[in-house]
Amino acid sequence: MKSAAKTVWIAWLIAALYYFYQYVLRSAPAVMMPELSQAFGLTAIGVASLAGLFYYGYSPFSLVAGVALDRWGPRTVVPIGAAAVGIGALLFATGGTTLASTGRFVQGAGGVFALLGAVYLATRYFPASRAATLIGATQMFGMAGGFAGQSLWARGWREACRGPPSGSSQGAAVRCSP
């Protein structure tokens, strides 16, 4: 395999793993409702609203991510989105409702760059005959992240914080949740 081909495969794999991670963050609050309610002093409706802020960021930034990828490409744009997800995770982990709300929004805004970045790479730098396979594999990573988010936090976020480090800087950012 040529060096350029390896680089594209690695870039796609990183984007797909990033999609996995953002899906962990997206789905995890569903199994942490009582803990989040207690930590933030919110009702179940308040926690649902807090968790739902992810989509208020994700939805409009879908267009922003598409335009940015078309203009500047994945090399510049995808790392910015990943950094936003990490910053959002840190803000969410503060324990304060306002910062957690902002963090959840930022996680969504940054998270959309994962899927669009992986799809952009699959359709632009790979043969058309591989696009559907790579997009399907990307989606598989996301759904596996959704499962991991449910499984990881099912034992409670305090217990998950005491578990072994995740190995990622973004994962470390959410290890010490309120």
C-alpha atoms as a PDB file:
ATOM      1  CA  MET A   1       0.000   0.000   0.000  1.00  0.00           C
ATOM      2  CA  LYS A   2       1.340   3.404  -0.963  1.00  0.00           C
ATOM      3  CA  SER A   3       2.040   6.010   1.679  1.00  0.00           C
ATOM      4  CA  ALA A   4      -0.801   8.291   0.529  1.00  0.00           C
ATOM      5  CA  ALA A   5      -3.276   5.389   0.626  1.00  0.00           C
ATOM      6  CA  LYS A   6      -2.170   4.469   4.155  1.00  0.00           C
ATOM      7  CA  THR A   7      -2.581   8.065   5.242  1.00  0.00           C
ATOM      8  CA  VAL A   8      -6.152   8.190   3.921  1.00  0.00           C
ATOM      9  CA  TRP A   9      -7.033   4.901   5.635  1.00  0.00           C
ATOM     10  CA  ILE A  10      -5.594   6.169   8.907  1.00  0.00           C
ATOM     11  CA  ALA A  11      -7.429   9.492   8.557  1.00  0.00           C
ATOM     12  CA  TRP A  12     -10.722   7.710   7.919  1.00  0.00           C
ATOM     13  CA  LEU A  13     -10.144   5.342  10.858  1.00  0.00           C
ATOM     14  CA  ILE A  14      -9.411   8.271  13.174  1.00  0.00           C
ATOM     15  CA  ALA A  15     -12.597  10.024  12.037  1.00  0.00           C
ATOM     16  CA  ALA A  16     -14.595   6.804  12.541  1.00  0.00           C
ATOM     17  CA  LEU A  17     -13.140   6.346  16.043  1.00  0.00           C
ATOM     18  CA  TYR A  18     -13.962   9.978  16.782  1.00  0.00           C
ATOM     19  CA  TYR A  19     -17.536   9.214  15.682  1.00  0.00           C
ATOM     20  CA  PHE A  20     -17.531   6.256  18.090  1.00  0.00           C
ATOM     21  CA  TYR A  21     -16.436   8.515  20.945  1.00  0.00           C
ATOM     22  CA  GLN A  22     -18.907  11.295  20.252  1.00  0.00           C
ATOM     23  CA  TYR A  23     -21.643   8.668  20.184  1.00  0.00           C
ATOM     24  CA  VAL A  24     -20.520   7.452  23.610  1.00  0.00           C
ATOM     25  CA  LEU A  25     -21.024  11.004  24.877  1.00  0.00           C
ATOM     26  CA  ARG A  26     -24.292  11.378  22.995  1.00  0.00           C
ATOM     27  CA  SER A  27     -25.910   8.272  24.482  1.00  0.00           C
ATOM     28  CA  ALA A  28     -24.399   8.067  27.971  1.00  0.00           C
ATOM     29  CA  PRO A  29     -26.804  10.474  29.719  1.00  0.00           C
ATOM     30  CA  ALA A  30     -29.729   8.161  28.970  1.00  0.00           C
ATOM     31  CA  VAL A  31     -28.495   5.739  31.627  1.00  0.00           C
ATOM     32  CA  MET A  32     -27.256   8.400  34.058  1.00  0.00           C
ATOM     33  CA  MET A  33     -30.530  10.240  34.645  1.00  0.00           C
ATOM     34  CA  PRO A  34     -30.733   9.728  38.433  1.00  0.00           C
ATOM     35  CA  GLU A  35     -27.052  10.552  38.947  1.00  0.00           C
ATOM     36  CA  LEU A  36     -27.241  13.637  36.738  1.00  0.00           C
ATOM     37  CA  SER A  37     -30.434  14.740  38.462  1.00  0.00           C
ATOM     38  CA  GLN A  38     -28.731  14.521  41.834  1.00  0.00           C
ATOM     39  CA  ALA A  39     -25.438  16.072  40.703  1.00  0.00           C
ATOM     40  CA  PHE A  40     -27.054  19.060  39.002  1.00  0.00           C
ATOM     41  CA  GLY A  41     -30.103  19.382  41.262  1.00  0.00           C
ATOM     42  CA  LEU A  42     -32.468  19.002  38.311  1.00  0.00           C
ATOM     43  CA  THR A  43     -35.747  17.186  37.812  1.00  0.00           C
ATOM     44  CA  ALA A  44     -35.962  14.399  35.236  1.00  0.00           C
ATOM     45  CA  ILE A  45     -37.308  16.943  32.744  1.00  0.00           C
ATOM     46  CA  GLY A  46     -34.379  19.248  33.509  1.00  0.00           C
ATOM     47  CA  VAL A  47     -31.880  16.454  32.930  1.00  0.00           C
ATOM     48  CA  ALA A  48     -33.607  15.486  29.686  1.00  0.00           C
ATOM     49  CA  SER A  49     -33.387  19.111  28.568  1.00  0.00           C
ATOM     50  CA  LEU A  50     -29.714  19.226  29.518  1.00  0.00           C
ATOM     51  CA  ALA A  51     -28.982  16.035  27.576  1.00  0.00           C
ATOM     52  CA  GLY A  52     -31.039  17.292  24.628  1.00  0.00           C
ATOM     53  CA  LEU A  53     -28.828  20.363  24.237  1.00  0.00           C
ATOM     54  CA  PHE A  54     -26.467  18.058  22.334  1.00  0.00           C
ATOM     55  CA  TYR A  55     -28.892  18.121  19.417  1.00  0.00           C
ATOM     56  CA  TYR A  56     -29.274  21.902  19.501  1.00  0.00           C
ATOM     57  CA  GLY A  57     -25.567  22.024  18.671  1.00  0.00           C
ATOM     58  CA  TYR A  58     -25.494  19.025  16.343  1.00  0.00           C
ATOM     59  CA  SER A  59     -28.343  20.099  14.092  1.00  0.00           C
ATOM     60  CA  PRO A  60     -27.243  23.579  12.946  1.00  0.00           C
ATOM     61  CA  PHE A  61     -23.577  22.644  12.929  1.00  0.00           C
ATOM     62  CA  SER A  62     -24.320  19.926  10.390  1.00  0.00           C
ATOM     63  CA  LEU A  63     -24.499  22.691   7.794  1.00  0.00           C
ATOM     64  CA  VAL A  64     -21.481  24.494   9.263  1.00  0.00           C
ATOM     65  CA  ALA A  65     -19.442  21.280   9.173  1.00  0.00           C
ATOM     66  CA  GLY A  66     -20.393  20.566   5.570  1.00  0.00           C
ATOM     67  CA  VAL A  67     -19.436  24.047   4.401  1.00  0.00           C
ATOM     68  CA  ALA A  68     -16.202  23.975   6.414  1.00  0.00           C
ATOM     69  CA  LEU A  69     -15.204  20.569   5.036  1.00  0.00           C
ATOM     70  CA  ASP A  70     -15.856  21.724   1.483  1.00  0.00           C
ATOM     71  CA  ARG A  71     -13.854  24.875   2.014  1.00  0.00           C
ATOM     72  CA  TRP A  72     -10.912  23.765   4.198  1.00  0.00           C
ATOM     73  CA  GLY A  73     -10.936  19.962   4.065  1.00  0.00           C
ATOM     74  CA  PRO A  74     -10.843  17.361   6.809  1.00  0.00           C
ATOM     75  CA  ARG A  75      -7.222  17.902   7.836  1.00  0.00           C
ATOM     76  CA  THR A  76      -8.088  21.303   9.273  1.00  0.00           C
ATOM     77  CA  VAL A  77     -11.733  20.904  10.213  1.00  0.00           C
ATOM     78  CA  VAL A  78     -11.999  17.471  11.870  1.00  0.00           C
ATOM     79  CA  PRO A  79      -9.412  18.197  14.604  1.00  0.00           C
ATOM     80  CA  ILE A  80     -11.248  21.425  15.456  1.00  0.00           C
ATOM     81  CA  GLY A  81     -14.472  19.466  15.865  1.00  0.00           C
ATOM     82  CA  ALA A  82     -12.710  16.873  18.020  1.00  0.00           C
ATOM     83  CA  ALA A  83     -11.260  19.625  20.206  1.00  0.00           C
ATOM     84  CA  ALA A  84     -14.752  21.097  20.586  1.00  0.00           C
ATOM     85  CA  VAL A  85     -16.074  17.714  21.755  1.00  0.00           C
ATOM     86  CA  GLY A  86     -13.248  17.480  24.313  1.00  0.00           C
ATOM     87  CA  ILE A  87     -13.855  21.027  25.545  1.00  0.00           C
ATOM     88  CA  GLY A  88     -17.574  20.297  25.743  1.00  0.00           C
ATOM     89  CA  ALA A  89     -16.856  17.188  27.815  1.00  0.00           C
ATOM     90  CA  LEU A  90     -14.695  19.225  30.189  1.00  0.00           C
ATOM     91  CA  LEU A  91     -17.408  21.849  30.556  1.00  0.00           C
ATOM     92  CA  PHE A  92     -20.021  19.176  31.179  1.00  0.00           C
ATOM     93  CA  ALA A  93     -17.825  17.637  33.859  1.00  0.00           C
ATOM     94  CA  THR A  94     -17.648  20.870  35.884  1.00  0.00           C
ATOM     95  CA  GLY A  95     -20.758  20.133  37.896  1.00  0.00           C
ATOM     96  CA  GLY A  96     -22.287  23.549  37.296  1.00  0.00           C
ATOM     97  CA  THR A  97     -25.546  23.550  35.352  1.00  0.00           C
ATOM     98  CA  THR A  98     -24.673  26.532  33.150  1.00  0.00           C
ATOM     99  CA  LEU A  99     -21.269  25.198  32.135  1.00  0.00           C
ATOM    100  CA  ALA A 100     -22.660  21.684  31.743  1.00  0.00           C
ATOM    101  CA  SER A 101     -25.383  23.029  29.442  1.00  0.00           C
ATOM    102  CA  THR A 102     -22.832  24.929  27.393  1.00  0.00           C
ATOM    103  CA  GLY A 103     -20.640  21.830  27.295  1.00  0.00           C
ATOM    104  CA  ARG A 104     -23.449  19.628  26.085  1.00  0.00           C
ATOM    105  CA  PHE A 105     -24.218  22.084  23.258  1.00  0.00           C
ATOM    106  CA  VAL A 106     -20.519  22.248  22.314  1.00  0.00           C
ATOM    107  CA  GLN A 107     -20.281  18.436  22.337  1.00  0.00           C
ATOM    108  CA  GLY A 108     -23.068  18.320  19.764  1.00  0.00           C
ATOM    109  CA  ALA A 109     -21.597  21.121  17.658  1.00  0.00           C
ATOM    110  CA  GLY A 110     -18.215  19.386  17.571  1.00  0.00           C
ATOM    111  CA  GLY A 111     -19.630  15.870  17.277  1.00  0.00           C
ATOM    112  CA  VAL A 112     -21.149  16.418  13.855  1.00  0.00           C
ATOM    113  CA  PHE A 113     -17.669  16.867  12.366  1.00  0.00           C
ATOM    114  CA  ALA A 114     -16.933  13.193  13.095  1.00  0.00           C
ATOM    115  CA  LEU A 115     -19.578  11.684  10.836  1.00  0.00           C
ATOM    116  CA  LEU A 116     -19.287  14.306   8.120  1.00  0.00           C
ATOM    117  CA  GLY A 117     -15.484  14.102   8.212  1.00  0.00           C
ATOM    118  CA  ALA A 118     -15.506  10.326   7.824  1.00  0.00           C
ATOM    119  CA  VAL A 119     -18.081  10.484   5.024  1.00  0.00           C
ATOM    120  CA  TYR A 120     -16.121  13.248   3.291  1.00  0.00           C
ATOM    121  CA  LEU A 121     -12.969  11.116   3.387  1.00  0.00           C
ATOM    122  CA  ALA A 122     -14.853   8.021   2.181  1.00  0.00           C
ATOM    123  CA  THR A 123     -16.398   9.783  -0.778  1.00  0.00           C
ATOM    124  CA  ARG A 124     -13.524  12.023  -1.770  1.00  0.00           C
ATOM    125  CA  TYR A 125     -10.373   9.944  -1.313  1.00  0.00           C
ATOM    126  CA  PHE A 126     -11.525   6.366  -1.858  1.00  0.00           C
ATOM    127  CA  PRO A 127     -12.856   4.703  -5.005  1.00  0.00           C
ATOM    128  CA  ALA A 128     -16.628   5.087  -5.413  1.00  0.00           C
ATOM    129  CA  SER A 129     -16.912   1.305  -5.148  1.00  0.00           C
ATOM    130  CA  ARG A 130     -15.853   1.554  -1.474  1.00  0.00           C
ATOM    131  CA  ALA A 131     -17.910   4.560  -0.397  1.00  0.00           C
ATOM    132  CA  ALA A 132     -20.999   2.699   0.829  1.00  0.00           C
ATOM    133  CA  THR A 133     -18.868   0.154   2.677  1.00  0.00           C
ATOM    134  CA  LEU A 134     -16.852   2.848   4.437  1.00  0.00           C
ATOM    135  CA  ILE A 135     -19.927   4.908   5.279  1.00  0.00           C
ATOM    136  CA  GLY A 136     -21.588   1.772   6.642  1.00  0.00           C
ATOM    137  CA  ALA A 137     -18.486   0.973   8.677  1.00  0.00           C
ATOM    138  CA  THR A 138     -18.484   4.527  10.010  1.00  0.00           C
ATOM    139  CA  GLN A 139     -22.112   4.134  11.040  1.00  0.00           C
ATOM    140  CA  MET A 140     -21.190   0.842  12.708  1.00  0.00           C
ATOM    141  CA  PHE A 141     -18.547   2.659  14.777  1.00  0.00           C
ATOM    142  CA  GLY A 142     -21.174   5.184  15.837  1.00  0.00           C
ATOM    143  CA  MET A 143     -23.704   2.566  16.889  1.00  0.00           C
ATOM    144  CA  ALA A 144     -20.998   0.686  18.783  1.00  0.00           C
ATOM    145  CA  GLY A 145     -20.243   3.955  20.566  1.00  0.00           C
ATOM    146  CA  GLY A 146     -23.921   4.294  21.428  1.00  0.00           C
ATOM    147  CA  PHE A 147     -23.842   0.831  22.960  1.00  0.00           C
ATOM    148  CA  ALA A 148     -20.584   1.591  24.770  1.00  0.00           C
ATOM    149  CA  GLY A 149     -22.064   4.792  26.195  1.00  0.00           C
ATOM    150  CA  GLN A 150     -25.002   2.851  27.565  1.00  0.00           C
ATOM    151  CA  SER A 151     -22.824   0.046  28.900  1.00  0.00           C
ATOM    152  CA  LEU A 152     -20.027   2.154  30.321  1.00  0.00           C
ATOM    153  CA  TRP A 153     -22.276   4.343  32.375  1.00  0.00           C
ATOM    154  CA  ALA A 154     -24.874   1.727  33.322  1.00  0.00           C
ATOM    155  CA  ARG A 155     -22.981   1.098  36.545  1.00  0.00           C
ATOM    156  CA  GLY A 156     -23.129   4.802  37.415  1.00  0.00           C
ATOM    157  CA  TRP A 157     -20.886   7.631  36.430  1.00  0.00           C
ATOM    158  CA  ARG A 158     -19.048   7.725  39.745  1.00  0.00           C
ATOM    159  CA  GLU A 159     -18.032   4.084  39.316  1.00  0.00           C
ATOM    160  CA  ALA A 160     -17.035   4.706  35.713  1.00  0.00           C
ATOM    161  CA  CYS A 161     -14.833   7.591  36.884  1.00  0.00           C
ATOM    162  CA  ARG A 162     -13.006   5.210  39.189  1.00  0.00           C
ATOM    163  CA  GLY A 163     -12.436   2.732  36.339  1.00  0.00           C
ATOM    164  CA  PRO A 164      -9.312   2.463  34.206  1.00  0.00           C
ATOM    165  CA  PRO A 165      -8.417   5.406  31.994  1.00  0.00           C
ATOM    166  CA  SER A 166      -9.935   5.331  28.547  1.00  0.00           C
ATOM    167  CA  GLY A 167      -6.703   6.108  26.764  1.00  0.00           C
ATOM    168  CA  SER A 168      -8.031   9.191  25.009  1.00  0.00           C
ATOM    169  CA  SER A 169      -7.685  12.795  26.012  1.00  0.00           C
ATOM    170  CA  GLN A 170     -11.398  13.301  25.410  1.00  0.00           C
ATOM    171  CA  GLY A 171     -12.198  10.231  27.454  1.00  0.00           C
ATOM    172  CA  ALA A 172     -10.060  11.570  30.257  1.00  0.00           C
ATOM    173  CA  ALA A 173     -12.020  14.791  30.096  1.00  0.00           C
ATOM    174  CA  VAL A 174     -15.234  13.052  31.113  1.00  0.00           C
ATOM    175  CA  ARG A 175     -13.738  10.703  33.701  1.00  0.00           C
ATOM    176  CA  CYS A 176     -14.246  13.140  36.557  1.00  0.00           C
ATOM    177  CA  SER A 177     -17.863  14.089  36.125  1.00  0.00           C
ATOM    178  CA  PRO A 178     -19.693  15.883  38.937  1.00  0.00           C
END
